[in-house]
Amino acid sequence: MFKENSKAIYLQIVDRICDEILSGSLCAGQRLPSVREYAATVQVNPNTMMRAYDHLSSQNIIYNKRGIGYFLSDDARDIVLRTRRDEFLGNEINEFFRQLELLGVSPDVLKSQYESYLSQNPN
């Protein structure tokens, strides 16, 4: 499940949960598995899972109801979408454009590829 890269495992778990939020697998108000349950599912130490939940909580994506568990906030999807979009447009897109330039991919080819992708992967 986890990639061999420099990104901390708890952040990879955060990314996985955020992907599930964006895809609609997790919905606003939904209860998340307990720290121990989720840790067992993804085969990590509960402390690692707690770090992931703490991170999501600090971003107001999830919240804790004492004695009941963790739940997705009502605006979790909006927060994740805004954060991911800002991150992509602020950081990753420059590397993406650099690669396009190095590989000689024209805007027309990129547009065609993107349109093909969209037609094969409708939302």
Foldseek 3Di string as FASTA:
>chain_A
DDDPDPDDPLVVVLVVVLVCDQVVVAAAFDFDDALVVVCVVVVHDSVSSVVNVVVCVVLQQWDADPPPHIGGHNCNNVSSVVVVVCCCVVPVVVVVVVVCVVVVPDPVNVVVVVVVVCVVDPD
